[in-house]
Amino acid sequence: MSTITESVDVDVTVSTAYDQWTQFESFPEFMEGVDEIRQVDPTHTHWTISVGGVTREFDATITEQHPDERVAWASDSGPTHAGVITFHRINDETTRVTAQMDLDPDGFAEKAADKLGILNRRVKGDLDRFKTFIERRGGQQTGSWRGDVQRPPQN
């Protein structure tokens, strides 16, 4: 299992950054290798990704979501991964977006990409492209979902 942590400061409010991040179907516009995401219901998504020339599909569950603070998820099928995106107010117009992901690369290409640091660079690149995406929109998100998802109690 590998852990990746990357951050980027975006020149938009916390609410704008958070609202845009809840628009999962827009991820292919700024995430490398993400071909499609379908929002199945408020807490489930279906992903189609390409890694090392291999197309994979998987389902993920939003395990925790709190407006303007965090979105956490875990894969239900396919490549094993989980993560959290957090949003930190730097000032009225700047937000730090931090991604922390735990990945268990599956297959030779993904394991090689992990060992060579390619996965870290991909996450950093995705965050940088998110910054460009939202800032070029003049700080206007494509939509929002302000619902709250509580982490289930641990036994």
C-alpha atoms as a PDB file:
ATOM      1  CA  MET A   1       0.000   0.000   0.000  1.00  0.00           C
ATOM      2  CA  SER A   2       1.317   3.447  -0.926  1.00  0.00           C
ATOM      3  CA  THR A   3       0.238   6.776   0.538  1.00  0.00           C
ATOM      4  CA  ILE A   4       0.295   9.909  -1.584  1.00  0.00           C
ATOM      5  CA  THR A   5      -0.187  13.401  -0.140  1.00  0.00           C
ATOM      6  CA  GLU A   6      -0.198  16.484  -2.369  1.00  0.00           C
ATOM      7  CA  SER A   7      -1.591  20.022  -2.034  1.00  0.00           C
ATOM      8  CA  VAL A   8      -2.320  23.028  -4.192  1.00  0.00           C
ATOM      9  CA  ASP A   9      -3.426  26.564  -3.338  1.00  0.00           C
ATOM     10  CA  VAL A  10      -6.279  27.769  -5.535  1.00  0.00           C
ATOM     11  CA  ASP A  11      -7.367  31.391  -5.862  1.00  0.00           C
ATOM     12  CA  VAL A  12     -11.038  30.800  -5.049  1.00  0.00           C
ATOM     13  CA  THR A  13     -13.098  30.673  -1.857  1.00  0.00           C
ATOM     14  CA  VAL A  14     -13.342  27.481   0.180  1.00  0.00           C
ATOM     15  CA  SER A  15     -17.001  27.087  -0.861  1.00  0.00           C
ATOM     16  CA  THR A  16     -16.155  27.412  -4.555  1.00  0.00           C
ATOM     17  CA  ALA A  17     -13.314  24.869  -4.381  1.00  0.00           C
ATOM     18  CA  TYR A  18     -15.430  22.432  -2.378  1.00  0.00           C
ATOM     19  CA  ASP A  19     -18.505  22.859  -4.587  1.00  0.00           C
ATOM     20  CA  GLN A  20     -16.491  22.155  -7.740  1.00  0.00           C
ATOM     21  CA  TRP A  21     -14.884  19.078  -6.173  1.00  0.00           C
ATOM     22  CA  THR A  22     -18.356  17.617  -5.528  1.00  0.00           C
ATOM     23  CA  GLN A  23     -18.985  17.646  -9.300  1.00  0.00           C
ATOM     24  CA  PHE A  24     -17.405  14.242  -9.879  1.00  0.00           C
ATOM     25  CA  GLU A  25     -18.601  13.994 -13.473  1.00  0.00           C
ATOM     26  CA  SER A  26     -16.345  16.974 -14.336  1.00  0.00           C
ATOM     27  CA  PHE A  27     -13.175  15.168 -13.153  1.00  0.00           C
ATOM     28  CA  PRO A  28     -12.208  13.994 -16.672  1.00  0.00           C
ATOM     29  CA  GLU A  29     -11.744  17.669 -17.567  1.00  0.00           C
ATOM     30  CA  PHE A  30      -8.746  17.965 -15.231  1.00  0.00           C
ATOM     31  CA  MET A  31      -7.750  14.449 -14.100  1.00  0.00           C
ATOM     32  CA  GLU A  32      -5.293  12.547 -16.245  1.00  0.00           C
ATOM     33  CA  GLY A  33      -6.403   9.023 -17.014  1.00  0.00           C
ATOM     34  CA  VAL A  34      -9.989   9.529 -15.840  1.00  0.00           C
ATOM     35  CA  ASP A  35     -12.180   8.752 -18.817  1.00  0.00           C
ATOM     36  CA  GLU A  36     -15.604   8.971 -17.180  1.00  0.00           C
ATOM     37  CA  ILE A  37     -17.311   9.187 -13.803  1.00  0.00           C
ATOM     38  CA  ARG A  38     -20.989   8.557 -13.315  1.00  0.00           C
ATOM     39  CA  GLN A  39     -22.648   9.683 -10.090  1.00  0.00           C
ATOM     40  CA  VAL A  40     -24.945   6.733  -9.330  1.00  0.00           C
ATOM     41  CA  ASP A  41     -26.519   8.291  -6.222  1.00  0.00           C
ATOM     42  CA  PRO A  42     -25.370  10.793  -3.564  1.00  0.00           C
ATOM     43  CA  THR A  43     -22.760   8.396  -2.139  1.00  0.00           C
ATOM     44  CA  HIS A  44     -21.812   6.104  -5.056  1.00  0.00           C
ATOM     45  CA  THR A  45     -19.787   6.709  -8.217  1.00  0.00           C
ATOM     46  CA  HIS A  46     -18.717   4.508 -11.119  1.00  0.00           C
ATOM     47  CA  TRP A  47     -15.290   5.288 -12.623  1.00  0.00           C
ATOM     48  CA  THR A  48     -13.646   4.395 -15.932  1.00  0.00           C
ATOM     49  CA  ILE A  49      -9.899   5.097 -15.892  1.00  0.00           C
ATOM     50  CA  SER A  50      -6.846   4.394 -18.042  1.00  0.00           C
ATOM     51  CA  VAL A  51      -3.498   3.569 -16.412  1.00  0.00           C
ATOM     52  CA  GLY A  52      -0.491   2.435 -18.413  1.00  0.00           C
ATOM     53  CA  GLY A  53      -2.653   1.734 -21.464  1.00  0.00           C
ATOM     54  CA  VAL A  54      -5.035  -0.457 -19.447  1.00  0.00           C
ATOM     55  CA  THR A  55      -8.681   0.554 -18.994  1.00  0.00           C
ATOM     56  CA  ARG A  56     -10.231  -0.254 -15.634  1.00  0.00           C
ATOM     57  CA  GLU A  57     -13.675   0.292 -14.180  1.00  0.00           C
ATOM     58  CA  PHE A  58     -14.562   0.410 -10.510  1.00  0.00           C
ATOM     59  CA  ASP A  59     -17.134   1.649  -8.066  1.00  0.00           C
ATOM     60  CA  ALA A  60     -16.428   3.917  -5.117  1.00  0.00           C
ATOM     61  CA  THR A  61     -18.402   5.003  -2.092  1.00  0.00           C
ATOM     62  CA  ILE A  62     -18.297   8.474  -0.561  1.00  0.00           C
ATOM     63  CA  THR A  63     -17.637   7.540   3.061  1.00  0.00           C
ATOM     64  CA  GLU A  64     -17.644  11.039   4.518  1.00  0.00           C
ATOM     65  CA  GLN A  65     -18.504  14.454   3.162  1.00  0.00           C
ATOM     66  CA  HIS A  66     -18.810  17.743   5.040  1.00  0.00           C
ATOM     67  CA  PRO A  67     -19.411  20.990   3.124  1.00  0.00           C
ATOM     68  CA  ASP A  68     -16.336  23.214   2.832  1.00  0.00           C
ATOM     69  CA  GLU A  69     -14.218  20.718   4.793  1.00  0.00           C
ATOM     70  CA  ARG A  70     -13.712  17.259   3.289  1.00  0.00           C
ATOM     71  CA  VAL A  71     -14.725  14.526   0.877  1.00  0.00           C
ATOM     72  CA  ALA A  72     -13.554  10.964   1.658  1.00  0.00           C
ATOM     73  CA  TRP A  73     -14.052   7.814  -0.397  1.00  0.00           C
ATOM     74  CA  ALA A  74     -13.088   4.168  -0.709  1.00  0.00           C
ATOM     75  CA  SER A  75     -13.180   1.866  -3.709  1.00  0.00           C
ATOM     76  CA  ASP A  76     -15.761  -0.928  -3.648  1.00  0.00           C
ATOM     77  CA  SER A  77     -14.291  -2.874  -6.556  1.00  0.00           C
ATOM     78  CA  GLY A  78     -11.312  -2.790  -8.900  1.00  0.00           C
ATOM     79  CA  PRO A  79      -8.047  -1.139  -7.796  1.00  0.00           C
ATOM     80  CA  THR A  80      -7.913  -0.855  -3.996  1.00  0.00           C
ATOM     81  CA  HIS A  81      -7.731   2.755  -2.928  1.00  0.00           C
ATOM     82  CA  ALA A  82      -9.189   5.231  -0.467  1.00  0.00           C
ATOM     83  CA  GLY A  83      -8.602   8.862   0.204  1.00  0.00           C
ATOM     84  CA  VAL A  84      -9.697  12.213   1.444  1.00  0.00           C
ATOM     85  CA  ILE A  85      -9.670  15.687  -0.069  1.00  0.00           C
ATOM     86  CA  THR A  86      -9.589  18.505   2.468  1.00  0.00           C
ATOM     87  CA  PHE A  87     -10.218  22.217   1.964  1.00  0.00           C
ATOM     88  CA  HIS A  88      -8.413  24.794   4.118  1.00  0.00           C
ATOM     89  CA  ARG A  89      -9.114  28.528   4.051  1.00  0.00           C
ATOM     90  CA  ILE A  90      -5.863  30.453   3.588  1.00  0.00           C
ATOM     91  CA  ASN A  91      -7.637  33.812   3.238  1.00  0.00           C
ATOM     92  CA  ASP A  92     -10.946  35.071   1.802  1.00  0.00           C
ATOM     93  CA  GLU A  93      -9.944  34.211  -1.766  1.00  0.00           C
ATOM     94  CA  THR A  94      -7.397  31.386  -1.415  1.00  0.00           C
ATOM     95  CA  THR A  95      -7.989  27.766  -0.483  1.00  0.00           C
ATOM     96  CA  ARG A  96      -5.509  24.947   0.054  1.00  0.00           C
ATOM     97  CA  VAL A  97      -6.794  21.700  -1.434  1.00  0.00           C
ATOM     98  CA  THR A  98      -4.998  18.646  -0.056  1.00  0.00           C
ATOM     99  CA  ALA A  99      -5.331  15.110  -1.412  1.00  0.00           C
ATOM    100  CA  GLN A 100      -4.289  12.151   0.695  1.00  0.00           C
ATOM    101  CA  MET A 101      -4.705   8.781  -0.982  1.00  0.00           C
ATOM    102  CA  ASP A 102      -3.888   5.215  -0.028  1.00  0.00           C
ATOM    103  CA  LEU A 103      -3.358   3.052  -3.110  1.00  0.00           C
ATOM    104  CA  ASP A 104      -2.618  -0.595  -3.629  1.00  0.00           C
ATOM    105  CA  PRO A 105      -1.370  -0.714  -7.225  1.00  0.00           C
ATOM    106  CA  ASP A 106      -2.698  -3.683  -9.170  1.00  0.00           C
ATOM    107  CA  GLY A 107      -0.779  -5.151 -12.094  1.00  0.00           C
ATOM    108  CA  PHE A 108       2.731  -4.660 -13.393  1.00  0.00           C
ATOM    109  CA  ALA A 109       2.175  -1.260 -15.045  1.00  0.00           C
ATOM    110  CA  GLU A 110       0.564   0.262 -11.955  1.00  0.00           C
ATOM    111  CA  LYS A 111       3.211  -1.152  -9.607  1.00  0.00           C
ATOM    112  CA  ALA A 112       5.967   0.195 -11.854  1.00  0.00           C
ATOM    113  CA  ALA A 113       4.224   3.602 -12.005  1.00  0.00           C
ATOM    114  CA  ASP A 114       4.089   3.640  -8.198  1.00  0.00           C
ATOM    115  CA  LYS A 115       7.780   2.715  -7.781  1.00  0.00           C
ATOM    116  CA  LEU A 116       8.850   5.374 -10.285  1.00  0.00           C
ATOM    117  CA  GLY A 117       6.829   8.106  -8.556  1.00  0.00           C
ATOM    118  CA  ILE A 118       4.485   8.455 -11.522  1.00  0.00           C
ATOM    119  CA  LEU A 119       1.377   8.126  -9.349  1.00  0.00           C
ATOM    120  CA  ASN A 120       2.565  10.955  -7.051  1.00  0.00           C
ATOM    121  CA  ARG A 121       3.209  13.162 -10.078  1.00  0.00           C
ATOM    122  CA  ARG A 122      -0.197  12.279 -11.523  1.00  0.00           C
ATOM    123  CA  VAL A 123      -1.981  13.349  -8.317  1.00  0.00           C
ATOM    124  CA  LYS A 124       0.060  16.580  -8.171  1.00  0.00           C
ATOM    125  CA  GLY A 125      -0.700  17.211 -11.848  1.00  0.00           C
ATOM    126  CA  ASP A 126      -4.413  16.585 -11.271  1.00  0.00           C
ATOM    127  CA  LEU A 127      -4.448  19.133  -8.446  1.00  0.00           C
ATOM    128  CA  ASP A 128      -2.567  21.665 -10.588  1.00  0.00           C
ATOM    129  CA  ARG A 129      -5.065  21.115 -13.424  1.00  0.00           C
ATOM    130  CA  PHE A 130      -7.938  21.515 -10.935  1.00  0.00           C
ATOM    131  CA  LYS A 131      -6.430  24.888  -9.955  1.00  0.00           C
ATOM    132  CA  THR A 132      -6.276  25.973 -13.602  1.00  0.00           C
ATOM    133  CA  PHE A 133      -9.779  24.595 -14.296  1.00  0.00           C
ATOM    134  CA  ILE A 134     -11.527  26.485 -11.479  1.00  0.00           C
ATOM    135  CA  GLU A 135      -9.483  29.685 -11.757  1.00  0.00           C
ATOM    136  CA  ARG A 136     -10.086  29.930 -15.536  1.00  0.00           C
ATOM    137  CA  ARG A 137     -13.800  29.722 -14.824  1.00  0.00           C
ATOM    138  CA  GLY A 138     -13.444  32.980 -12.895  1.00  0.00           C
ATOM    139  CA  GLY A 139     -14.070  31.172  -9.657  1.00  0.00           C
ATOM    140  CA  GLN A 140     -17.455  29.876 -10.833  1.00  0.00           C
ATOM    141  CA  GLN A 141     -18.085  26.225 -10.080  1.00  0.00           C
ATOM    142  CA  THR A 142     -20.037  24.048 -12.534  1.00  0.00           C
ATOM    143  CA  GLY A 143     -22.426  23.003  -9.756  1.00  0.00           C
ATOM    144  CA  SER A 144     -22.502  21.986  -6.129  1.00  0.00           C
ATOM    145  CA  TRP A 145     -23.752  19.383  -3.714  1.00  0.00           C
ATOM    146  CA  ARG A 146     -23.946  20.589  -0.122  1.00  0.00           C
ATOM    147  CA  GLY A 147     -25.170  17.348   1.452  1.00  0.00           C
ATOM    148  CA  ASP A 148     -23.474  15.917   4.511  1.00  0.00           C
ATOM    149  CA  VAL A 149     -22.350  12.277   4.635  1.00  0.00           C
ATOM    150  CA  GLN A 150     -21.400  10.940   8.044  1.00  0.00           C
ATOM    151  CA  ARG A 151     -18.776   8.221   8.434  1.00  0.00           C
ATOM    152  CA  PRO A 152     -20.511   5.084   9.717  1.00  0.00           C
ATOM    153  CA  PRO A 153     -19.708   4.216  13.337  1.00  0.00           C
ATOM    154  CA  GLN A 154     -16.712   1.910  13.771  1.00  0.00           C
ATOM    155  CA  ASN A 155     -17.316  -1.346  15.671  1.00  0.00           C
END
